[in-house]
Amino acid sequence: MKQFIKYFSIVLLIIIVDQASKLWVYTHMEMGTEGQINLLGNVFKLTYTLNPGMAFSIHLGFKYGKLLITMFRMLASLYIFWYIIQSIRKNASAAWIFGWALVLGGAIGNSIDSIFYGVYLNNAPVDAPMKWFYGQVIDMLHIDLWSGLMPSWLPIWGSYYVYCLPVFNIADVAVSAGLIVILCLFHSTDRTKD
């Protein structure tokens, strides 16, 4: 039982920190570059943005694409939850389970935005077919190695303000860190205890 409490406490902590940071940004910051807060000079800052799609603002390109993404996140979260329970029962290594706990916490954090923020924060895109499941994910962590307005003659990105690196959130950090741990352990013998 201690193992279950330990790993699911990690999941809960990620969700709480992620949601608290997003709600703080929502209530205390102006959206876009005008409301930026520099934390480490011009390199690391908080920039309030909304992501209507999935990672890197990728869209599926059809009316109910966001609903499909949100449903996939929910099903993936349920599967990872089940997988963590099975891994604990099979006495998998702490690092392996920790990696999956990070992924689960991050996935749930971003799912909360998608499911509820369209209604409770009224941030669903104007052309969304409904507000439930169409909430935009709040991003704020911004590593700004380069950003600027692209020339109008440039295909695709012309006249858009672009960042060298995407703006992300705590949930994204948790998912990325978890995947790095999992990939590092995937081919090693550290997945199970001796």
N, C-alpha and C. Protein backbone atom coordinates (compact mmCIF):
# COMPACT_ATOMS: atom_id res chain seq x y z
N MET A 1 0.82 -1.21 0.00
CA MET A 1 0.00 0.00 0.00
C MET A 1 0.86 1.26 0.00
N LYS A 2 2.01 1.22 0.70
CA LYS A 2 2.89 2.38 0.75
C LYS A 2 3.36 2.79 -0.64
N GLN A 3 3.65 1.79 -1.48
CA GLN A 3 4.13 2.07 -2.83
C GLN A 3 3.06 2.81 -3.63
N PHE A 4 1.81 2.37 -3.52
CA PHE A 4 0.71 3.03 -4.24
C PHE A 4 0.59 4.48 -3.79
N ILE A 5 0.63 4.70 -2.47
CA ILE A 5 0.51 6.05 -1.93
C ILE A 5 1.67 6.92 -2.42
N LYS A 6 2.90 6.36 -2.39
CA LYS A 6 4.08 7.13 -2.80
C LYS A 6 3.97 7.60 -4.24
N TYR A 7 3.68 6.70 -5.17
CA TYR A 7 3.67 7.08 -6.58
C TYR A 7 2.46 7.92 -6.96
N PHE A 8 1.31 7.62 -6.37
CA PHE A 8 0.14 8.43 -6.72
C PHE A 8 0.16 9.78 -6.01
N SER A 9 0.96 9.91 -4.94
CA SER A 9 1.19 11.23 -4.34
C SER A 9 2.01 12.09 -5.29
N ILE A 10 2.95 11.48 -6.00
CA ILE A 10 3.74 12.20 -7.00
C ILE A 10 2.81 12.71 -8.11
N VAL A 11 1.93 11.84 -8.57
CA VAL A 11 0.96 12.23 -9.62
C VAL A 11 0.12 13.40 -9.13
N LEU A 12 -0.41 13.30 -7.92
CA LEU A 12 -1.26 14.35 -7.36
C LEU A 12 -0.49 15.66 -7.19
N LEU A 13 0.76 15.59 -6.74
CA LEU A 13 1.58 16.79 -6.57
C LEU A 13 1.79 17.50 -7.91
N ILE A 14 2.08 16.73 -8.95
CA ILE A 14 2.26 17.33 -10.29
C ILE A 14 0.99 18.03 -10.74
N ILE A 15 -0.15 17.39 -10.55
CA ILE A 15 -1.43 17.98 -10.95
C ILE A 15 -1.69 19.28 -10.19
N ILE A 16 -1.45 19.27 -8.88
CA ILE A 16 -1.70 20.46 -8.06
C ILE A 16 -0.78 21.62 -8.47
N VAL A 17 0.52 21.33 -8.60
CA VAL A 17 1.47 22.39 -8.98
C VAL A 17 1.16 22.91 -10.38
N ASP A 18 0.84 22.01 -11.30
CA ASP A 18 0.52 22.41 -12.66
C ASP A 18 -0.72 23.30 -12.69
N GLN A 19 -1.79 22.86 -12.05
CA GLN A 19 -3.03 23.63 -12.08
C GLN A 19 -2.89 24.95 -11.32
N ALA A 20 -2.17 24.94 -10.19
CA ALA A 20 -1.97 26.19 -9.44
C ALA A 20 -1.19 27.21 -10.27
N SER A 21 -0.17 26.75 -10.98
CA SER A 21 0.63 27.67 -11.80
C SER A 21 -0.22 28.22 -12.95
N LYS A 22 -1.04 27.38 -13.57
CA LYS A 22 -1.88 27.84 -14.67
C LYS A 22 -2.93 28.85 -14.20
N LEU A 23 -3.54 28.57 -13.06
CA LEU A 23 -4.57 29.48 -12.55
C LEU A 23 -3.95 30.79 -12.07
N TRP A 24 -2.71 30.72 -11.53
CA TRP A 24 -2.02 31.95 -11.16
C TRP A 24 -1.77 32.81 -12.40
N VAL A 25 -1.27 32.19 -13.45
CA VAL A 25 -1.01 32.91 -14.70
C VAL A 25 -2.30 33.51 -15.23
N TYR A 26 -3.37 32.73 -15.22
CA TYR A 26 -4.67 33.20 -15.72
C TYR A 26 -5.17 34.43 -14.95
N THR A 27 -4.97 34.44 -13.63
CA THR A 27 -5.51 35.53 -12.81
C THR A 27 -4.55 36.70 -12.62
N HIS A 28 -3.25 36.52 -12.91
CA HIS A 28 -2.28 37.57 -12.60
C HIS A 28 -1.50 38.11 -13.80
N MET A 29 -1.63 37.50 -14.96
CA MET A 29 -0.81 37.94 -16.09
C MET A 29 -1.65 38.37 -17.28
N GLU A 30 -1.11 39.30 -18.03
CA GLU A 30 -1.70 39.68 -19.30
C GLU A 30 -1.18 38.72 -20.37
N MET A 31 -2.03 38.34 -21.29
CA MET A 31 -1.63 37.38 -22.31
C MET A 31 -0.65 37.99 -23.31
N GLY A 32 0.26 37.15 -23.78
CA GLY A 32 1.19 37.55 -24.84
C GLY A 32 2.45 38.22 -24.32
N THR A 33 3.20 38.78 -25.25
CA THR A 33 4.50 39.35 -24.93
C THR A 33 4.39 40.60 -24.05
N GLU A 34 3.25 41.31 -24.08
CA GLU A 34 3.08 42.50 -23.26
C GLU A 34 3.11 42.17 -21.78
N GLY A 35 2.66 40.98 -21.40
CA GLY A 35 2.59 40.61 -19.99
C GLY A 35 3.76 39.77 -19.52
N GLN A 36 4.80 39.63 -20.30
CA GLN A 36 5.93 38.77 -19.93
C GLN A 36 6.57 39.20 -18.61
N ILE A 37 7.02 38.20 -17.86
CA ILE A 37 7.77 38.44 -16.63
C ILE A 37 9.12 37.76 -16.80
N ASN A 38 10.19 38.55 -16.78
CA ASN A 38 11.53 38.00 -16.91
C ASN A 38 11.96 37.38 -15.59
N LEU A 39 12.40 36.12 -15.64
CA LEU A 39 12.89 35.44 -14.46
C LEU A 39 14.41 35.35 -14.45
N LEU A 40 15.01 35.04 -15.59
CA LEU A 40 16.47 35.00 -15.75
C LEU A 40 16.82 35.83 -16.98
N GLY A 41 16.87 37.13 -16.80
CA GLY A 41 17.14 38.02 -17.92
C GLY A 41 16.09 37.86 -19.01
N ASN A 42 16.56 37.87 -20.25
CA ASN A 42 15.65 37.68 -21.38
C ASN A 42 15.60 36.24 -21.84
N VAL A 43 16.30 35.34 -21.15
CA VAL A 43 16.37 33.95 -21.59
C VAL A 43 15.23 33.11 -21.04
N PHE A 44 14.94 33.20 -19.74
CA PHE A 44 13.86 32.42 -19.15
C PHE A 44 12.83 33.37 -18.57
N LYS A 45 11.61 33.26 -19.05
CA LYS A 45 10.55 34.17 -18.63
C LYS A 45 9.21 33.46 -18.60
N LEU A 46 8.25 34.12 -18.01
CA LEU A 46 6.87 33.66 -18.05
C LEU A 46 6.16 34.43 -19.15
N THR A 47 5.54 33.71 -20.06
CA THR A 47 4.75 34.31 -21.13
C THR A 47 3.43 33.55 -21.20
N TYR A 48 2.34 34.24 -20.93
CA TYR A 48 1.02 33.62 -20.91
C TYR A 48 0.53 33.40 -22.34
N THR A 49 0.39 32.12 -22.72
CA THR A 49 -0.15 31.78 -24.04
C THR A 49 -1.19 30.67 -23.89
N LEU A 50 -2.00 30.51 -24.91
CA LEU A 50 -2.98 29.42 -24.95
C LEU A 50 -2.65 28.49 -26.11
N ASN A 51 -2.76 27.20 -25.85
CA ASN A 51 -2.50 26.19 -26.86
C ASN A 51 -3.82 25.45 -27.16
N PRO A 52 -4.41 25.68 -28.33
CA PRO A 52 -5.69 25.05 -28.65
C PRO A 52 -5.57 23.60 -29.11
N GLY A 53 -4.37 23.14 -29.41
CA GLY A 53 -4.20 21.79 -29.93
C GLY A 53 -3.55 20.86 -28.93
N MET A 54 -2.53 20.15 -29.41
CA MET A 54 -1.77 19.27 -28.53
C MET A 54 -0.34 19.80 -28.48
N ALA A 55 0.64 18.96 -28.22
CA ALA A 55 2.02 19.41 -28.10
C ALA A 55 2.43 20.22 -29.33
N PHE A 56 3.15 21.31 -29.09
CA PHE A 56 3.64 22.21 -30.14
C PHE A 56 2.49 22.80 -30.96
N SER A 57 1.30 22.91 -30.35
CA SER A 57 0.10 23.48 -30.99
C SER A 57 -0.33 22.74 -32.26
N ILE A 58 -0.01 21.47 -32.35
CA ILE A 58 -0.40 20.67 -33.51
C ILE A 58 -1.90 20.43 -33.46
N HIS A 59 -2.57 20.61 -34.59
CA HIS A 59 -4.02 20.38 -34.72
C HIS A 59 -4.24 19.19 -35.65
N LEU A 60 -5.37 18.52 -35.46
CA LEU A 60 -5.71 17.42 -36.37
C LEU A 60 -6.39 17.93 -37.63
N GLY A 61 -6.84 19.18 -37.62
CA GLY A 61 -7.32 19.81 -38.84
C GLY A 61 -8.76 19.53 -39.23
N PHE A 62 -9.57 19.03 -38.30
CA PHE A 62 -10.99 18.89 -38.60
C PHE A 62 -11.80 19.30 -37.38
N LYS A 63 -13.09 19.53 -37.57
CA LYS A 63 -13.96 20.14 -36.57
C LYS A 63 -13.87 19.49 -35.19
N TYR A 64 -13.86 18.17 -35.13
CA TYR A 64 -13.85 17.48 -33.85
C TYR A 64 -12.47 16.93 -33.48
N GLY A 65 -11.43 17.49 -34.07
CA GLY A 65 -10.07 17.05 -33.80
C GLY A 65 -9.68 17.22 -32.34
N LYS A 66 -10.03 18.35 -31.74
CA LYS A 66 -9.69 18.60 -30.33
C LYS A 66 -10.40 17.61 -29.42
N LEU A 67 -11.65 17.27 -29.75
CA LEU A 67 -12.38 16.28 -28.96
C LEU A 67 -11.65 14.94 -29.02
N LEU A 68 -11.19 14.57 -30.19
CA LEU A 68 -10.45 13.32 -30.36
C LEU A 68 -9.15 13.34 -29.55
N ILE A 69 -8.44 14.46 -29.57
CA ILE A 69 -7.21 14.60 -28.80
C ILE A 69 -7.50 14.46 -27.31
N THR A 70 -8.54 15.13 -26.84
CA THR A 70 -8.90 15.09 -25.43
C THR A 70 -9.31 13.68 -25.00
N MET A 71 -10.09 13.00 -25.83
CA MET A 71 -10.49 11.62 -25.52
C MET A 71 -9.26 10.70 -25.48
N PHE A 72 -8.34 10.91 -26.40
CA PHE A 72 -7.11 10.11 -26.41
C PHE A 72 -6.32 10.34 -25.13
N ARG A 73 -6.20 11.61 -24.70
CA ARG A 73 -5.48 11.91 -23.44
C ARG A 73 -6.12 11.19 -22.27
N MET A 74 -7.46 11.18 -22.24
CA MET A 74 -8.17 10.53 -21.13
C MET A 74 -7.93 9.02 -21.13
N LEU A 75 -8.04 8.40 -22.31
CA LEU A 75 -7.82 6.96 -22.40
C LEU A 75 -6.37 6.60 -22.10
N ALA A 76 -5.43 7.40 -22.58
CA ALA A 76 -4.01 7.15 -22.30
C ALA A 76 -3.75 7.27 -20.80
N SER A 77 -4.37 8.25 -20.15
CA SER A 77 -4.20 8.42 -18.70
C SER A 77 -4.73 7.21 -17.94
N LEU A 78 -5.89 6.71 -18.34
CA LEU A 78 -6.44 5.52 -17.69
C LEU A 78 -5.52 4.31 -17.87
N TYR A 79 -4.99 4.15 -19.08
CA TYR A 79 -4.08 3.04 -19.33
C TYR A 79 -2.81 3.17 -18.49
N ILE A 80 -2.24 4.36 -18.41
CA ILE A 80 -1.01 4.57 -17.64
C ILE A 80 -1.28 4.33 -16.16
N PHE A 81 -2.43 4.77 -15.67
CA PHE A 81 -2.83 4.50 -14.29
C PHE A 81 -2.83 3.00 -14.02
N TRP A 82 -3.47 2.24 -14.90
CA TRP A 82 -3.51 0.78 -14.77
C TRP A 82 -2.09 0.20 -14.86
N TYR A 83 -1.28 0.70 -15.77
CA TYR A 83 0.08 0.20 -15.97
C TYR A 83 0.95 0.44 -14.73
N ILE A 84 0.78 1.59 -14.09
CA ILE A 84 1.54 1.86 -12.87
C ILE A 84 1.16 0.87 -11.78
N ILE A 85 -0.13 0.62 -11.63
CA ILE A 85 -0.58 -0.37 -10.63
C ILE A 85 0.05 -1.73 -10.91
N GLN A 86 0.03 -2.16 -12.17
CA GLN A 86 0.62 -3.45 -12.53
C GLN A 86 2.13 -3.46 -12.29
N SER A 87 2.79 -2.36 -12.58
CA SER A 87 4.24 -2.26 -12.37
C SER A 87 4.59 -2.34 -10.89
N ILE A 88 3.78 -1.71 -10.04
CA ILE A 88 4.01 -1.80 -8.60
C ILE A 88 3.82 -3.23 -8.13
N ARG A 89 2.76 -3.88 -8.60
CA ARG A 89 2.49 -5.27 -8.21
C ARG A 89 3.59 -6.22 -8.67
N LYS A 90 4.21 -5.91 -9.83
CA LYS A 90 5.28 -6.76 -10.35
C LYS A 90 6.65 -6.37 -9.81
N ASN A 91 6.65 -5.43 -8.85
CA ASN A 91 7.89 -5.02 -8.21
C ASN A 91 8.89 -4.41 -9.19
N ALA A 92 8.39 -3.60 -10.11
CA ALA A 92 9.27 -2.90 -11.07
C ALA A 92 10.13 -1.89 -10.30
N SER A 93 11.20 -1.44 -10.93
CA SER A 93 12.11 -0.51 -10.26
C SER A 93 11.42 0.81 -9.96
N ALA A 94 11.91 1.47 -8.92
CA ALA A 94 11.34 2.75 -8.50
C ALA A 94 11.47 3.79 -9.63
N ALA A 95 12.60 3.80 -10.32
CA ALA A 95 12.81 4.78 -11.40
C ALA A 95 11.80 4.58 -12.53
N TRP A 96 11.55 3.32 -12.89
CA TRP A 96 10.61 3.01 -13.96
C TRP A 96 9.20 3.51 -13.61
N ILE A 97 8.76 3.21 -12.40
CA ILE A 97 7.42 3.64 -11.98
C ILE A 97 7.37 5.16 -11.83
N PHE A 98 8.45 5.74 -11.31
CA PHE A 98 8.53 7.20 -11.17
C PHE A 98 8.37 7.88 -12.53
N GLY A 99 9.03 7.35 -13.55
CA GLY A 99 8.90 7.91 -14.91
C GLY A 99 7.46 7.90 -15.37
N TRP A 100 6.77 6.79 -15.16
CA TRP A 100 5.37 6.70 -15.58
C TRP A 100 4.47 7.60 -14.74
N ALA A 101 4.81 7.78 -13.44
CA ALA A 101 4.03 8.68 -12.59
C ALA A 101 4.15 10.12 -13.09
N LEU A 102 5.35 10.52 -13.53
CA LEU A 102 5.53 11.86 -14.10
C LEU A 102 4.67 12.04 -15.35
N VAL A 103 4.68 11.04 -16.22
CA VAL A 103 3.88 11.12 -17.45
C VAL A 103 2.39 11.22 -17.11
N LEU A 104 1.94 10.41 -16.17
CA LEU A 104 0.52 10.42 -15.81
C LEU A 104 0.11 11.76 -15.21
N GLY A 105 0.91 12.30 -14.29
CA GLY A 105 0.58 13.60 -13.70
C GLY A 105 0.49 14.69 -14.75
N GLY A 106 1.44 14.70 -15.69
CA GLY A 106 1.41 15.70 -16.75
C GLY A 106 0.23 15.53 -17.69
N ALA A 107 -0.07 14.28 -18.04
CA ALA A 107 -1.20 14.02 -18.95
C ALA A 107 -2.52 14.46 -18.32
N ILE A 108 -2.69 14.16 -17.04
CA ILE A 108 -3.92 14.58 -16.36
C ILE A 108 -3.99 16.09 -16.25
N GLY A 109 -2.84 16.73 -15.94
CA GLY A 109 -2.81 18.19 -15.83
C GLY A 109 -3.30 18.87 -17.09
N ASN A 110 -2.78 18.44 -18.25
CA ASN A 110 -3.22 19.05 -19.51
C ASN A 110 -4.63 18.63 -19.90
N SER A 111 -5.05 17.44 -19.49
CA SER A 111 -6.43 17.00 -19.77
C SER A 111 -7.44 17.87 -19.03
N ILE A 112 -7.10 18.27 -17.81
CA ILE A 112 -8.00 19.14 -17.04
C ILE A 112 -8.26 20.43 -17.81
N ASP A 113 -7.19 21.01 -18.38
CA ASP A 113 -7.36 22.23 -19.19
C ASP A 113 -8.32 21.98 -20.34
N SER A 114 -8.06 20.90 -21.08
CA SER A 114 -8.88 20.60 -22.27
C SER A 114 -10.34 20.34 -21.92
N ILE A 115 -10.57 19.61 -20.85
CA ILE A 115 -11.94 19.23 -20.50
C ILE A 115 -12.71 20.41 -19.90
N PHE A 116 -12.11 21.14 -18.97
CA PHE A 116 -12.86 22.10 -18.16
C PHE A 116 -12.65 23.58 -18.49
N TYR A 117 -11.48 23.96 -19.00
CA TYR A 117 -11.17 25.39 -19.13
C TYR A 117 -12.04 26.10 -20.16
N GLY A 118 -12.55 25.38 -21.15
CA GLY A 118 -13.44 26.00 -22.12
C GLY A 118 -14.70 26.53 -21.46
N VAL A 119 -15.15 25.84 -20.41
CA VAL A 119 -16.36 26.25 -19.68
C VAL A 119 -16.00 27.19 -18.54
N TYR A 120 -15.11 26.75 -17.64
CA TYR A 120 -14.85 27.51 -16.42
C TYR A 120 -13.97 28.74 -16.62
N LEU A 121 -13.09 28.72 -17.61
CA LEU A 121 -12.27 29.91 -17.90
C LEU A 121 -12.70 30.56 -19.21
N ASN A 122 -13.70 30.00 -19.84
CA ASN A 122 -14.26 30.52 -21.09
C ASN A 122 -13.16 30.74 -22.15
N ASN A 123 -12.25 29.78 -22.28
CA ASN A 123 -11.15 29.97 -23.22
C ASN A 123 -11.20 29.05 -24.45
N ALA A 124 -12.37 28.44 -24.68
CA ALA A 124 -12.51 27.64 -25.90
C ALA A 124 -12.42 28.56 -27.11
N PRO A 125 -11.80 28.10 -28.20
CA PRO A 125 -11.76 28.94 -29.41
C PRO A 125 -13.17 29.30 -29.87
N VAL A 126 -13.28 30.44 -30.50
CA VAL A 126 -14.59 30.95 -30.95
C VAL A 126 -15.27 29.95 -31.89
N ASP A 127 -14.50 29.27 -32.72
CA ASP A 127 -15.09 28.34 -33.69
C ASP A 127 -15.25 26.92 -33.16
N ALA A 128 -15.04 26.71 -31.86
CA ALA A 128 -15.18 25.36 -31.28
C ALA A 128 -16.66 24.95 -31.30
N PRO A 129 -16.95 23.68 -31.61
CA PRO A 129 -18.34 23.23 -31.67
C PRO A 129 -19.01 23.16 -30.30
N MET A 130 -18.21 23.15 -29.21
CA MET A 130 -18.73 23.15 -27.85
C MET A 130 -17.63 23.64 -26.92
N LYS A 131 -17.99 23.99 -25.69
CA LYS A 131 -16.99 24.48 -24.74
C LYS A 131 -16.35 23.34 -23.95
N TRP A 132 -17.14 22.33 -23.57
CA TRP A 132 -16.58 21.17 -22.89
C TRP A 132 -15.62 20.46 -23.85
N PHE A 133 -14.50 20.01 -23.34
CA PHE A 133 -13.48 19.27 -24.09
C PHE A 133 -12.72 20.11 -25.12
N TYR A 134 -13.01 21.40 -25.19
CA TYR A 134 -12.32 22.27 -26.15
C TYR A 134 -11.54 23.40 -25.46
N GLY A 135 -11.30 23.25 -24.16
CA GLY A 135 -10.52 24.25 -23.46
C GLY A 135 -9.09 24.29 -24.00
N GLN A 136 -8.52 25.48 -23.98
CA GLN A 136 -7.15 25.62 -24.45
C GLN A 136 -6.20 25.45 -23.26
N VAL A 137 -5.10 24.77 -23.49
CA VAL A 137 -4.11 24.53 -22.45
C VAL A 137 -3.33 25.82 -22.20
N ILE A 138 -3.17 26.18 -20.93
CA ILE A 138 -2.42 27.37 -20.57
C ILE A 138 -0.94 27.01 -20.49
N ASP A 139 -0.13 27.76 -21.24
CA ASP A 139 1.33 27.61 -21.22
C ASP A 139 1.94 28.89 -20.71
N MET A 140 3.11 28.77 -20.06
CA MET A 140 3.73 29.99 -19.53
C MET A 140 5.25 29.94 -19.43
N LEU A 141 5.87 28.78 -19.37
CA LEU A 141 7.32 28.67 -19.23
C LEU A 141 7.96 28.90 -20.59
N HIS A 142 8.83 29.89 -20.66
CA HIS A 142 9.33 30.34 -21.96
C HIS A 142 10.85 30.49 -21.90
N ILE A 143 11.55 29.60 -22.58
CA ILE A 143 12.99 29.73 -22.77
C ILE A 143 13.15 30.43 -24.12
N ASP A 144 13.59 31.68 -24.06
CA ASP A 144 13.60 32.53 -25.25
C ASP A 144 15.02 32.70 -25.78
N LEU A 145 15.48 31.70 -26.54
CA LEU A 145 16.80 31.82 -27.16
C LEU A 145 16.75 32.80 -28.32
N TRP A 146 15.62 32.84 -29.01
CA TRP A 146 15.39 33.82 -30.07
C TRP A 146 13.89 33.91 -30.31
N SER A 147 13.41 35.12 -30.50
CA SER A 147 12.02 35.32 -30.88
C SER A 147 11.95 36.61 -31.69
N GLY A 148 10.95 36.68 -32.55
CA GLY A 148 10.80 37.88 -33.35
C GLY A 148 9.72 37.75 -34.41
N LEU A 149 9.45 38.86 -35.05
CA LEU A 149 8.45 38.91 -36.11
C LEU A 149 9.10 38.45 -37.41
N MET A 150 8.52 37.45 -38.03
CA MET A 150 9.08 36.91 -39.27
C MET A 150 8.70 37.82 -40.45
N PRO A 151 9.57 37.94 -41.46
CA PRO A 151 9.26 38.78 -42.62
C PRO A 151 8.02 38.27 -43.35
N SER A 152 7.24 39.18 -43.89
CA SER A 152 5.98 38.83 -44.54
C SER A 152 6.17 37.94 -45.77
N TRP A 153 7.32 37.98 -46.43
CA TRP A 153 7.55 37.19 -47.64
C TRP A 153 7.86 35.72 -47.33
N LEU A 154 8.08 35.38 -46.07
CA LEU A 154 8.44 34.02 -45.69
C LEU A 154 7.20 33.11 -45.73
N PRO A 155 7.28 31.96 -46.44
CA PRO A 155 6.12 31.05 -46.47
C PRO A 155 5.80 30.51 -45.07
N ILE A 156 4.58 30.21 -44.82
CA ILE A 156 4.01 29.63 -43.59
C ILE A 156 4.11 30.57 -42.39
N TRP A 157 5.33 31.00 -41.99
CA TRP A 157 5.52 31.80 -40.79
C TRP A 157 5.55 33.30 -41.06
N GLY A 158 5.41 33.73 -42.29
CA GLY A 158 5.47 35.14 -42.64
C GLY A 158 4.50 35.99 -41.84
N SER A 159 4.97 37.09 -41.30
CA SER A 159 4.20 38.06 -40.50
C SER A 159 3.75 37.53 -39.15
N TYR A 160 4.24 36.37 -38.73
CA TYR A 160 3.91 35.83 -37.41
C TYR A 160 5.06 36.10 -36.45
N TYR A 161 4.71 36.33 -35.19
CA TYR A 161 5.71 36.44 -34.14
C TYR A 161 6.01 35.01 -33.70
N VAL A 162 7.26 34.59 -33.79
CA VAL A 162 7.62 33.20 -33.48
C VAL A 162 8.68 33.15 -32.39
N TYR A 163 8.68 32.02 -31.67
CA TYR A 163 9.66 31.74 -30.64
C TYR A 163 10.54 30.60 -31.13
N CYS A 164 11.82 30.64 -30.76
CA CYS A 164 12.73 29.55 -31.13
C CYS A 164 12.28 28.25 -30.46
N LEU A 165 11.91 28.34 -29.20
CA LEU A 165 11.41 27.17 -28.47
C LEU A 165 9.95 27.43 -28.09
N PRO A 166 9.14 26.39 -28.03
CA PRO A 166 7.75 26.60 -27.66
C PRO A 166 7.61 27.03 -26.20
N VAL A 167 6.50 27.68 -25.90
CA VAL A 167 6.16 28.01 -24.52
C VAL A 167 5.44 26.77 -23.98
N PHE A 168 5.77 26.37 -22.76
CA PHE A 168 5.23 25.12 -22.22
C PHE A 168 4.79 25.32 -20.78
N ASN A 169 4.38 24.25 -20.09
CA ASN A 169 3.88 24.35 -18.72
C ASN A 169 4.46 23.22 -17.86
N ILE A 170 4.08 23.19 -16.60
CA ILE A 170 4.60 22.18 -15.66
C ILE A 170 4.22 20.77 -16.12
N ALA A 171 2.99 20.60 -16.61
CA ALA A 171 2.56 19.29 -17.09
C ALA A 171 3.45 18.81 -18.24
N ASP A 172 3.79 19.71 -19.15
CA ASP A 172 4.67 19.35 -20.27
C ASP A 172 6.05 18.94 -19.77
N VAL A 173 6.56 19.66 -18.76
CA VAL A 173 7.86 19.33 -18.18
C VAL A 173 7.81 17.93 -17.56
N ALA A 174 6.73 17.64 -16.84
CA ALA A 174 6.59 16.32 -16.20
C ALA A 174 6.54 15.20 -17.24
N VAL A 175 5.75 15.39 -18.29
CA VAL A 175 5.66 14.36 -19.34
C VAL A 175 7.02 14.16 -20.00
N SER A 176 7.70 15.25 -20.34
CA SER A 176 9.01 15.14 -20.99
C SER A 176 10.03 14.46 -20.10
N ALA A 177 10.08 14.86 -18.82
CA ALA A 177 11.03 14.25 -17.88
C ALA A 177 10.71 12.76 -17.70
N GLY A 178 9.43 12.45 -17.58
CA GLY A 178 9.03 11.05 -17.43
C GLY A 178 9.43 10.21 -18.62
N LEU A 179 9.22 10.74 -19.83
CA LEU A 179 9.59 10.00 -21.04
C LEU A 179 11.10 9.81 -21.14
N ILE A 180 11.87 10.79 -20.69
CA ILE A 180 13.33 10.64 -20.70
C ILE A 180 13.75 9.51 -19.76
N VAL A 181 13.16 9.48 -18.56
CA VAL A 181 13.47 8.40 -17.60
C VAL A 181 13.09 7.05 -18.20
N ILE A 182 11.90 6.95 -18.76
CA ILE A 182 11.42 5.68 -19.33
C ILE A 182 12.33 5.23 -20.48
N LEU A 183 12.67 6.15 -21.38
CA LEU A 183 13.52 5.79 -22.51
C LEU A 183 14.91 5.37 -22.07
N CYS A 184 15.44 6.02 -21.03
CA CYS A 184 16.76 5.64 -20.52
C CYS A 184 16.75 4.23 -19.91
N LEU A 185 15.62 3.87 -19.31
CA LEU A 185 15.53 2.57 -18.65
C LEU A 185 14.99 1.47 -19.57
N PHE A 186 14.47 1.84 -20.73
CA PHE A 186 13.75 0.89 -21.58
C PHE A 186 14.58 -0.33 -21.94
N HIS A 187 15.82 -0.13 -22.31
CA HIS A 187 16.65 -1.27 -22.72
C HIS A 187 17.58 -1.75 -21.62
N SER A 188 17.43 -1.18 -20.43
CA SER A 188 18.32 -1.59 -19.34
C SER A 188 17.64 -2.66 -18.50
N THR A 189 18.38 -3.20 -17.60
CA THR A 189 17.83 -4.21 -16.69
C THR A 189 17.26 -3.56 -15.44
N ASP A 190 17.25 -2.21 -15.39
CA ASP A 190 16.76 -1.51 -14.22
C ASP A 190 15.24 -1.42 -14.13
N ARG A 191 14.54 -2.02 -15.08
CA ARG A 191 13.08 -1.94 -15.06
C ARG A 191 12.48 -2.79 -13.97
N THR A 192 13.15 -3.83 -13.57
CA THR A 192 12.65 -4.67 -12.49
C THR A 192 13.72 -4.83 -11.42
N LYS A 193 13.26 -5.03 -10.21
CA LYS A 193 14.20 -5.24 -9.12
C LYS A 193 14.69 -6.68 -9.15
N ASP A 194 15.88 -6.89 -8.61
CA ASP A 194 16.41 -8.27 -8.51
C ASP A 194 15.83 -8.98 -7.31
